[in-house]
Amino acid sequence: MVNCDKCGKDEYMPFRCKYCGGYFCSEHRLPEMHECTGQYSYSRSTTGQTGFRPTGYSYTPRPRRTLFWFSQTELRELAIGLVVILAIPLVSYWSRVLLSPVIFGAYFLMFGLAFILHEVAHKFMAQRLGYWAEFRINKQGLMLTLLSLISPLKIIAPGAVMIGGLMNWDDYGKVSIAGPATNIGMGLFYFAVYLITGSPLVAALALAGMNINASLALFNLLPFGVFDGAKVMKWSRAAWGAAVLAAGLLFIFSM
């Protein structure tokens, strides 16, 4: 949740003023309703006066948290999404838990990190560009993820990062590519570990980490629907192609 900069009301999807950059509820979303301090003026047809006139309220804008912050609601929903996501390897490979608890624990950690860092990358990029951004559970996606527990086709989509404010396609593309790019970067890290390690166990875990992250990147780069790939392709076909190529090579090598 984000608090309205005028009245303090909690808003699930706040309105962002393009003049002053503040976030407001539906009641105070218009510049004249929140005593906009940005480059804004309007005409009063009844008086012929131009410019902003105070409404009588005493209001001092609060400093905005523009980078790298989480609300309690978001942390709760990220935790729910993570629990649902981690149920997939637990259900799929439960027989291996007792046989190799340490190995399974490492796999469990890599699986969770791939999901969390993917979503956080979307969020941080949006916040860096000046937008409100928080992860929210999606009921349909959550149900599909739960159904995949008993299906051979695994779908990892319990929720997504919601972004407030009007975005241009350049910003949209940067936010959309951030998640898959983070998974590709993690895959390259595991690839480096695989090349330098002298331990067969560590090498096997590195390959598993590559496979997890490459699979998640390729899934999200599908170029249609609500997937990141559709937005990235509309923004830059070259960036989409490069990301698919990198994720595809990591996936093939991990197999």
C-alpha atoms as a PDB file:
ATOM      1  CA  MET A   1       0.000   0.000   0.000  1.00  0.00           C
ATOM      2  CA  VAL A   2       1.022   3.612  -0.601  1.00  0.00           C
ATOM      3  CA  ASN A   3      -0.258   6.540   1.455  1.00  0.00           C
ATOM      4  CA  CYS A   4      -1.884   9.470  -0.314  1.00  0.00           C
ATOM      5  CA  ASP A   5       0.427  12.479  -0.016  1.00  0.00           C
ATOM      6  CA  LYS A   6      -2.570  14.697   0.711  1.00  0.00           C
ATOM      7  CA  CYS A   7      -4.730  12.865   3.218  1.00  0.00           C
ATOM      8  CA  GLY A   8      -2.625   9.832   4.150  1.00  0.00           C
ATOM      9  CA  LYS A   9      -5.212   7.299   2.973  1.00  0.00           C
ATOM     10  CA  ASP A  10      -3.846   3.856   2.012  1.00  0.00           C
ATOM     11  CA  GLU A  11      -4.160   3.226  -1.726  1.00  0.00           C
ATOM     12  CA  TYR A  12      -3.748  -0.113  -3.503  1.00  0.00           C
ATOM     13  CA  MET A  13      -3.222   1.562  -6.897  1.00  0.00           C
ATOM     14  CA  PRO A  14      -2.396   5.233  -6.322  1.00  0.00           C
ATOM     15  CA  PHE A  15      -2.475   7.991  -8.918  1.00  0.00           C
ATOM     16  CA  ARG A  16       0.856   9.641  -9.691  1.00  0.00           C
ATOM     17  CA  CYS A  17       0.776  13.365 -10.483  1.00  0.00           C
ATOM     18  CA  LYS A  18       2.851  14.105 -13.580  1.00  0.00           C
ATOM     19  CA  TYR A  19       3.512  17.644 -12.367  1.00  0.00           C
ATOM     20  CA  CYS A  20       4.833  17.183  -8.836  1.00  0.00           C
ATOM     21  CA  GLY A  21       5.542  13.421  -8.824  1.00  0.00           C
ATOM     22  CA  GLY A  22       3.457  12.730  -5.728  1.00  0.00           C
ATOM     23  CA  TYR A  23       1.074   9.812  -5.177  1.00  0.00           C
ATOM     24  CA  PHE A  24      -2.587  10.437  -4.349  1.00  0.00           C
ATOM     25  CA  CYS A  25      -5.930   8.741  -3.762  1.00  0.00           C
ATOM     26  CA  SER A  26      -8.795   9.114  -6.244  1.00  0.00           C
ATOM     27  CA  GLU A  27     -10.191  12.086  -4.293  1.00  0.00           C
ATOM     28  CA  HIS A  28      -6.967  14.079  -4.495  1.00  0.00           C
ATOM     29  CA  ARG A  29      -5.520  12.857  -7.810  1.00  0.00           C
ATOM     30  CA  LEU A  30      -6.163  16.125  -9.696  1.00  0.00           C
ATOM     31  CA  PRO A  31      -3.494  18.863  -9.288  1.00  0.00           C
ATOM     32  CA  GLU A  32      -5.990  21.419  -7.991  1.00  0.00           C
ATOM     33  CA  MET A  33      -7.203  18.952  -5.349  1.00  0.00           C
ATOM     34  CA  HIS A  34      -3.796  18.383  -3.743  1.00  0.00           C
ATOM     35  CA  GLU A  35      -2.295  21.873  -3.953  1.00  0.00           C
ATOM     36  CA  CYS A  36       0.144  20.751  -6.612  1.00  0.00           C
ATOM     37  CA  THR A  37       3.622  22.205  -6.127  1.00  0.00           C
ATOM     38  CA  GLY A  38       4.764  21.290  -9.648  1.00  0.00           C
ATOM     39  CA  GLN A  39       4.649  23.283 -12.890  1.00  0.00           C
ATOM     40  CA  TYR A  40       0.875  23.389 -13.083  1.00  0.00           C
ATOM     41  CA  SER A  41      -1.619  26.201 -13.668  1.00  0.00           C
ATOM     42  CA  TYR A  42      -5.286  26.341 -14.598  1.00  0.00           C
ATOM     43  CA  SER A  43      -7.845  28.964 -15.557  1.00  0.00           C
ATOM     44  CA  ARG A  44     -10.839  29.849 -13.460  1.00  0.00           C
ATOM     45  CA  SER A  45     -13.611  30.543 -15.937  1.00  0.00           C
ATOM     46  CA  THR A  46     -15.682  32.433 -13.400  1.00  0.00           C
ATOM     47  CA  THR A  47     -13.037  35.010 -12.538  1.00  0.00           C
ATOM     48  CA  GLY A  48     -10.679  35.005 -15.495  1.00  0.00           C
ATOM     49  CA  GLN A  49      -7.746  34.545 -13.100  1.00  0.00           C
ATOM     50  CA  THR A  50      -4.886  32.281 -14.053  1.00  0.00           C
ATOM     51  CA  GLY A  51      -2.718  30.321 -11.697  1.00  0.00           C
ATOM     52  CA  PHE A  52      -3.115  28.165  -8.631  1.00  0.00           C
ATOM     53  CA  ARG A  53      -5.007  29.448  -5.616  1.00  0.00           C
ATOM     54  CA  PRO A  54      -4.687  27.771  -2.188  1.00  0.00           C
ATOM     55  CA  THR A  55      -7.814  26.078  -0.927  1.00  0.00           C
ATOM     56  CA  GLY A  56      -7.251  26.956   2.716  1.00  0.00           C
ATOM     57  CA  TYR A  57      -5.597  23.669   3.712  1.00  0.00           C
ATOM     58  CA  SER A  58      -2.192  23.715   5.382  1.00  0.00           C
ATOM     59  CA  TYR A  59      -0.163  20.963   3.795  1.00  0.00           C
ATOM     60  CA  THR A  60       3.539  20.123   3.590  1.00  0.00           C
ATOM     61  CA  PRO A  61       4.405  17.294   1.132  1.00  0.00           C
ATOM     62  CA  ARG A  62       6.189  14.364   2.763  1.00  0.00           C
ATOM     63  CA  PRO A  63       9.515  13.210   1.296  1.00  0.00           C
ATOM     64  CA  ARG A  64       8.993  10.411  -1.203  1.00  0.00           C
ATOM     65  CA  ARG A  65      10.641   7.022  -0.802  1.00  0.00           C
ATOM     66  CA  THR A  66      11.716   6.603  -4.400  1.00  0.00           C
ATOM     67  CA  LEU A  67      14.160   3.713  -4.248  1.00  0.00           C
ATOM     68  CA  PHE A  68      14.173   0.203  -2.856  1.00  0.00           C
ATOM     69  CA  TRP A  69      11.446   0.112  -0.233  1.00  0.00           C
ATOM     70  CA  PHE A  70       8.819  -2.495   0.650  1.00  0.00           C
ATOM     71  CA  SER A  71       5.452  -2.158   2.323  1.00  0.00           C
ATOM     72  CA  GLN A  72       4.184  -4.671   4.873  1.00  0.00           C
ATOM     73  CA  THR A  73       1.446  -5.746   2.462  1.00  0.00           C
ATOM     74  CA  GLU A  74       3.988  -6.396  -0.252  1.00  0.00           C
ATOM     75  CA  LEU A  75       6.286  -8.402   2.020  1.00  0.00           C
ATOM     76  CA  ARG A  76       3.327 -10.539   3.085  1.00  0.00           C
ATOM     77  CA  GLU A  77       2.283 -11.237  -0.504  1.00  0.00           C
ATOM     78  CA  LEU A  78       5.875 -11.942  -1.573  1.00  0.00           C
ATOM     79  CA  ALA A  79       6.063 -14.468   1.266  1.00  0.00           C
ATOM     80  CA  ILE A  80       2.824 -16.131   0.092  1.00  0.00           C
ATOM     81  CA  GLY A  81       4.117 -16.289  -3.471  1.00  0.00           C
ATOM     82  CA  LEU A  82       7.432 -17.733  -2.308  1.00  0.00           C
ATOM     83  CA  VAL A  83       5.745 -20.441  -0.229  1.00  0.00           C
ATOM     84  CA  VAL A  84       3.584 -21.478  -3.199  1.00  0.00           C
ATOM     85  CA  ILE A  85       6.596 -21.457  -5.526  1.00  0.00           C
ATOM     86  CA  LEU A  86       8.718 -23.567  -3.170  1.00  0.00           C
ATOM     87  CA  ALA A  87       5.907 -26.123  -2.931  1.00  0.00           C
ATOM     88  CA  ILE A  88       6.673 -27.116  -6.553  1.00  0.00           C
ATOM     89  CA  PRO A  89      10.110 -28.687  -5.958  1.00  0.00           C
ATOM     90  CA  LEU A  90       8.955 -30.000  -2.574  1.00  0.00           C
ATOM     91  CA  VAL A  91       6.038 -31.912  -4.135  1.00  0.00           C
ATOM     92  CA  SER A  92       7.932 -32.917  -7.276  1.00  0.00           C
ATOM     93  CA  TYR A  93      11.048 -34.224  -5.516  1.00  0.00           C
ATOM     94  CA  TRP A  94       9.830 -35.047  -2.021  1.00  0.00           C
ATOM     95  CA  SER A  95      11.466 -38.492  -2.109  1.00  0.00           C
ATOM     96  CA  ARG A  96      14.903 -36.883  -2.363  1.00  0.00           C
ATOM     97  CA  VAL A  97      14.529 -34.765   0.742  1.00  0.00           C
ATOM     98  CA  LEU A  98      15.472 -37.551   3.140  1.00  0.00           C
ATOM     99  CA  LEU A  99      18.098 -39.025   0.807  1.00  0.00           C
ATOM    100  CA  SER A 100      20.029 -35.784   0.303  1.00  0.00           C
ATOM    101  CA  PRO A 101      18.697 -33.044   2.612  1.00  0.00           C
ATOM    102  CA  VAL A 102      21.717 -30.756   2.077  1.00  0.00           C
ATOM    103  CA  ILE A 103      21.586 -31.046  -1.710  1.00  0.00           C
ATOM    104  CA  PHE A 104      17.836 -30.567  -1.757  1.00  0.00           C
ATOM    105  CA  GLY A 105      18.180 -27.571   0.566  1.00  0.00           C
ATOM    106  CA  ALA A 106      20.621 -25.943  -1.864  1.00  0.00           C
ATOM    107  CA  TYR A 107      18.267 -26.638  -4.771  1.00  0.00           C
ATOM    108  CA  PHE A 108      15.385 -25.256  -2.724  1.00  0.00           C
ATOM    109  CA  LEU A 109      17.339 -22.042  -2.077  1.00  0.00           C
ATOM    110  CA  MET A 110      18.272 -21.567  -5.745  1.00  0.00           C
ATOM    111  CA  PHE A 111      14.650 -22.090  -6.796  1.00  0.00           C
ATOM    112  CA  GLY A 112      13.394 -19.489  -4.325  1.00  0.00           C
ATOM    113  CA  LEU A 113      16.089 -16.958  -5.231  1.00  0.00           C
ATOM    114  CA  ALA A 114      15.291 -17.252  -8.941  1.00  0.00           C
ATOM    115  CA  PHE A 115      11.689 -16.207  -8.271  1.00  0.00           C
ATOM    116  CA  ILE A 116      12.328 -13.519  -5.642  1.00  0.00           C
ATOM    117  CA  LEU A 117      15.167 -11.781  -7.489  1.00  0.00           C
ATOM    118  CA  HIS A 118      13.180 -11.819 -10.741  1.00  0.00           C
ATOM    119  CA  GLU A 119      10.272  -9.953  -9.150  1.00  0.00           C
ATOM    120  CA  VAL A 120      12.490  -7.617  -7.106  1.00  0.00           C
ATOM    121  CA  ALA A 121      14.389  -6.684 -10.291  1.00  0.00           C
ATOM    122  CA  HIS A 122      11.110  -5.539 -11.912  1.00  0.00           C
ATOM    123  CA  LYS A 123      10.224  -3.582  -8.781  1.00  0.00           C
ATOM    124  CA  PHE A 124      13.591  -1.886  -8.290  1.00  0.00           C
ATOM    125  CA  MET A 125      13.842  -0.874 -11.943  1.00  0.00           C
ATOM    126  CA  ALA A 126      10.367   0.709 -11.798  1.00  0.00           C
ATOM    127  CA  GLN A 127      11.226   2.504  -8.549  1.00  0.00           C
ATOM    128  CA  ARG A 128      14.516   3.695 -10.018  1.00  0.00           C
ATOM    129  CA  LEU A 129      12.557   5.246 -12.895  1.00  0.00           C
ATOM    130  CA  GLY A 130      10.311   7.044 -10.390  1.00  0.00           C
ATOM    131  CA  TYR A 131       7.192   4.836 -10.341  1.00  0.00           C
ATOM    132  CA  TRP A 132       5.276   3.265  -7.489  1.00  0.00           C
ATOM    133  CA  ALA A 133       5.828  -0.488  -7.727  1.00  0.00           C
ATOM    134  CA  GLU A 134       4.796  -3.352  -5.447  1.00  0.00           C
ATOM    135  CA  PHE A 135       4.363  -7.102  -5.834  1.00  0.00           C
ATOM    136  CA  ARG A 136       0.782  -8.366  -5.580  1.00  0.00           C
ATOM    137  CA  ILE A 137      -0.701 -11.862  -5.627  1.00  0.00           C
ATOM    138  CA  ASN A 138      -2.863 -12.619  -8.688  1.00  0.00           C
ATOM    139  CA  LYS A 139      -5.705 -15.039  -7.931  1.00  0.00           C
ATOM    140  CA  GLN A 140      -5.768 -16.630 -11.397  1.00  0.00           C
ATOM    141  CA  GLY A 141      -1.993 -16.983 -11.519  1.00  0.00           C
ATOM    142  CA  LEU A 142      -1.951 -18.376  -7.994  1.00  0.00           C
ATOM    143  CA  MET A 143      -4.523 -21.020  -8.912  1.00  0.00           C
ATOM    144  CA  LEU A 144      -2.576 -22.014 -12.050  1.00  0.00           C
ATOM    145  CA  THR A 145       0.588 -22.322  -9.967  1.00  0.00           C
ATOM    146  CA  LEU A 146      -1.190 -24.499  -7.410  1.00  0.00           C
ATOM    147  CA  LEU A 147      -2.699 -26.688 -10.153  1.00  0.00           C
ATOM    148  CA  SER A 148       0.759 -27.190 -11.636  1.00  0.00           C
ATOM    149  CA  LEU A 149       1.722 -29.021  -8.437  1.00  0.00           C
ATOM    150  CA  ILE A 150      -0.157 -32.046  -9.786  1.00  0.00           C
ATOM    151  CA  SER A 151       0.551 -31.372 -13.455  1.00  0.00           C
ATOM    152  CA  PRO A 152       3.659 -32.240 -15.512  1.00  0.00           C
ATOM    153  CA  LEU A 153       3.584 -28.674 -16.866  1.00  0.00           C
ATOM    154  CA  LYS A 154       4.908 -26.299 -14.218  1.00  0.00           C
ATOM    155  CA  ILE A 155       3.600 -22.717 -14.214  1.00  0.00           C
ATOM    156  CA  ILE A 156       5.261 -20.175 -11.944  1.00  0.00           C
ATOM    157  CA  ALA A 157       2.983 -17.149 -11.874  1.00  0.00           C
ATOM    158  CA  PRO A 158       1.533 -16.518  -8.397  1.00  0.00           C
ATOM    159  CA  GLY A 159       1.605 -12.760  -8.871  1.00  0.00           C
ATOM    160  CA  ALA A 160       3.338  -9.817 -10.473  1.00  0.00           C
ATOM    161  CA  VAL A 161       4.747  -6.380  -9.751  1.00  0.00           C
ATOM    162  CA  MET A 162       2.023  -3.734 -10.037  1.00  0.00           C
ATOM    163  CA  ILE A 163       3.170  -0.321 -11.262  1.00  0.00           C
ATOM    164  CA  GLY A 164       1.373   2.976 -10.651  1.00  0.00           C
ATOM    165  CA  GLY A 165       1.541   5.876 -13.080  1.00  0.00           C
ATOM    166  CA  LEU A 166       1.519   6.327 -16.848  1.00  0.00           C
ATOM    167  CA  MET A 167       4.582   4.679 -18.389  1.00  0.00           C
ATOM    168  CA  ASN A 168       6.121   5.286 -21.800  1.00  0.00           C
ATOM    169  CA  TRP A 169       7.297   2.270 -23.790  1.00  0.00           C
ATOM    170  CA  ASP A 170      10.957   2.966 -23.100  1.00  0.00           C
ATOM    171  CA  ASP A 171      10.375   2.666 -19.341  1.00  0.00           C
ATOM    172  CA  TYR A 172       7.974  -0.249 -19.854  1.00  0.00           C
ATOM    173  CA  GLY A 173      10.645  -2.127 -21.792  1.00  0.00           C
ATOM    174  CA  LYS A 174      13.334  -1.495 -19.185  1.00  0.00           C
ATOM    175  CA  VAL A 175      11.084  -2.683 -16.356  1.00  0.00           C
ATOM    176  CA  SER A 176       9.983  -5.782 -18.311  1.00  0.00           C
ATOM    177  CA  ILE A 177      13.492  -6.890 -19.314  1.00  0.00           C
ATOM    178  CA  ALA A 178      14.852  -6.446 -15.775  1.00  0.00           C
ATOM    179  CA  GLY A 179      13.362  -9.729 -14.484  1.00  0.00           C
ATOM    180  CA  PRO A 180      14.578 -12.083 -17.258  1.00  0.00           C
ATOM    181  CA  ALA A 181      17.930 -10.247 -17.398  1.00  0.00           C
ATOM    182  CA  THR A 182      18.421 -10.923 -13.685  1.00  0.00           C
ATOM    183  CA  ASN A 183      17.749 -14.639 -14.219  1.00  0.00           C
ATOM    184  CA  ILE A 184      20.189 -14.676 -17.139  1.00  0.00           C
ATOM    185  CA  GLY A 185      22.790 -12.964 -14.960  1.00  0.00           C
ATOM    186  CA  MET A 186      22.286 -15.565 -12.229  1.00  0.00           C
ATOM    187  CA  GLY A 187      22.557 -18.308 -14.850  1.00  0.00           C
ATOM    188  CA  LEU A 188      25.894 -16.885 -15.999  1.00  0.00           C
ATOM    189  CA  PHE A 189      27.069 -16.814 -12.380  1.00  0.00           C
ATOM    190  CA  TYR A 190      26.241 -20.510 -11.990  1.00  0.00           C
ATOM    191  CA  PHE A 191      27.966 -21.172 -15.325  1.00  0.00           C
ATOM    192  CA  ALA A 192      31.140 -19.533 -13.973  1.00  0.00           C
ATOM    193  CA  VAL A 193      30.908 -21.637 -10.805  1.00  0.00           C
ATOM    194  CA  TYR A 194      30.557 -24.759 -12.959  1.00  0.00           C
ATOM    195  CA  LEU A 195      33.707 -23.878 -14.922  1.00  0.00           C
ATOM    196  CA  ILE A 196      35.945 -23.172 -11.931  1.00  0.00           C
ATOM    197  CA  THR A 197      34.770 -25.725  -9.385  1.00  0.00           C
ATOM    198  CA  GLY A 198      36.608 -28.952  -8.826  1.00  0.00           C
ATOM    199  CA  SER A 199      33.738 -30.567  -6.942  1.00  0.00           C
ATOM    200  CA  PRO A 200      31.288 -32.814  -8.850  1.00  0.00           C
ATOM    201  CA  LEU A 201      28.593 -31.955  -6.292  1.00  0.00           C
ATOM    202  CA  VAL A 202      29.025 -28.197  -6.698  1.00  0.00           C
ATOM    203  CA  ALA A 203      29.134 -28.637 -10.492  1.00  0.00           C
ATOM    204  CA  ALA A 204      25.837 -30.528 -10.413  1.00  0.00           C
ATOM    205  CA  LEU A 205      24.220 -27.833  -8.271  1.00  0.00           C
ATOM    206  CA  ALA A 206      25.576 -25.125 -10.594  1.00  0.00           C
ATOM    207  CA  LEU A 207      23.976 -26.875 -13.566  1.00  0.00           C
ATOM    208  CA  ALA A 208      20.701 -27.067 -11.639  1.00  0.00           C
ATOM    209  CA  GLY A 209      20.906 -23.336 -10.894  1.00  0.00           C
ATOM    210  CA  MET A 210      21.540 -22.596 -14.560  1.00  0.00           C
ATOM    211  CA  ASN A 211      18.563 -24.701 -15.581  1.00  0.00           C
ATOM    212  CA  ILE A 212      16.197 -23.069 -13.068  1.00  0.00           C
ATOM    213  CA  ASN A 213      17.096 -19.527 -14.067  1.00  0.00           C
ATOM    214  CA  ALA A 214      17.254 -20.192 -17.811  1.00  0.00           C
ATOM    215  CA  SER A 215      13.835 -21.895 -17.698  1.00  0.00           C
ATOM    216  CA  LEU A 216      12.286 -19.006 -15.751  1.00  0.00           C
ATOM    217  CA  ALA A 217      13.800 -16.444 -18.138  1.00  0.00           C
ATOM    218  CA  LEU A 218      12.585 -18.292 -21.249  1.00  0.00           C
ATOM    219  CA  PHE A 219       9.101 -18.743 -19.777  1.00  0.00           C
ATOM    220  CA  ASN A 220       8.782 -15.036 -19.041  1.00  0.00           C
ATOM    221  CA  LEU A 221      10.190 -14.063 -22.454  1.00  0.00           C
ATOM    222  CA  LEU A 222       7.292 -15.692 -24.326  1.00  0.00           C
ATOM    223  CA  PRO A 223       6.277 -12.952 -26.801  1.00  0.00           C
ATOM    224  CA  PHE A 224       2.531 -12.856 -26.204  1.00  0.00           C
ATOM    225  CA  GLY A 225      -0.161 -12.205 -23.605  1.00  0.00           C
ATOM    226  CA  VAL A 226       0.896 -10.740 -20.281  1.00  0.00           C
ATOM    227  CA  PHE A 227       4.401 -12.189 -20.387  1.00  0.00           C
ATOM    228  CA  ASP A 228       7.452  -9.939 -20.135  1.00  0.00           C
ATOM    229  CA  GLY A 229       8.479 -11.011 -23.629  1.00  0.00           C
ATOM    230  CA  ALA A 230       5.486  -9.322 -25.281  1.00  0.00           C
ATOM    231  CA  LYS A 231       6.403  -5.972 -23.731  1.00  0.00           C
ATOM    232  CA  VAL A 232      10.127  -6.357 -24.380  1.00  0.00           C
ATOM    233  CA  MET A 233       9.544  -7.250 -28.038  1.00  0.00           C
ATOM    234  CA  LYS A 234       7.336  -4.193 -28.544  1.00  0.00           C
ATOM    235  CA  TRP A 235      10.060  -2.069 -26.968  1.00  0.00           C
ATOM    236  CA  SER A 236      13.088  -3.635 -28.694  1.00  0.00           C
ATOM    237  CA  ARG A 237      13.186  -6.764 -30.836  1.00  0.00           C
ATOM    238  CA  ALA A 238      16.979  -6.755 -30.596  1.00  0.00           C
ATOM    239  CA  ALA A 239      16.884  -6.827 -26.777  1.00  0.00           C
ATOM    240  CA  TRP A 240      14.262  -9.583 -26.819  1.00  0.00           C
ATOM    241  CA  GLY A 241      16.271 -11.673 -29.290  1.00  0.00           C
ATOM    242  CA  ALA A 242      19.501 -11.260 -27.331  1.00  0.00           C
ATOM    243  CA  ALA A 243      17.791 -12.259 -24.085  1.00  0.00           C
ATOM    244  CA  VAL A 244      16.149 -15.332 -25.650  1.00  0.00           C
ATOM    245  CA  LEU A 245      19.462 -16.381 -27.221  1.00  0.00           C
ATOM    246  CA  ALA A 246      21.364 -16.041 -23.945  1.00  0.00           C
ATOM    247  CA  ALA A 247      18.697 -17.859 -21.909  1.00  0.00           C
ATOM    248  CA  GLY A 248      18.377 -20.557 -24.594  1.00  0.00           C
ATOM    249  CA  LEU A 249      22.123 -21.261 -24.641  1.00  0.00           C
ATOM    250  CA  LEU A 250      22.197 -21.497 -20.838  1.00  0.00           C
ATOM    251  CA  PHE A 251      19.231 -23.868 -20.885  1.00  0.00           C
ATOM    252  CA  ILE A 252      20.800 -26.127 -23.536  1.00  0.00           C
ATOM    253  CA  PHE A 253      24.121 -26.251 -21.697  1.00  0.00           C
ATOM    254  CA  SER A 254      22.408 -27.012 -18.387  1.00  0.00           C
ATOM    255  CA  MET A 255      20.736 -30.055 -19.942  1.00  0.00           C
END
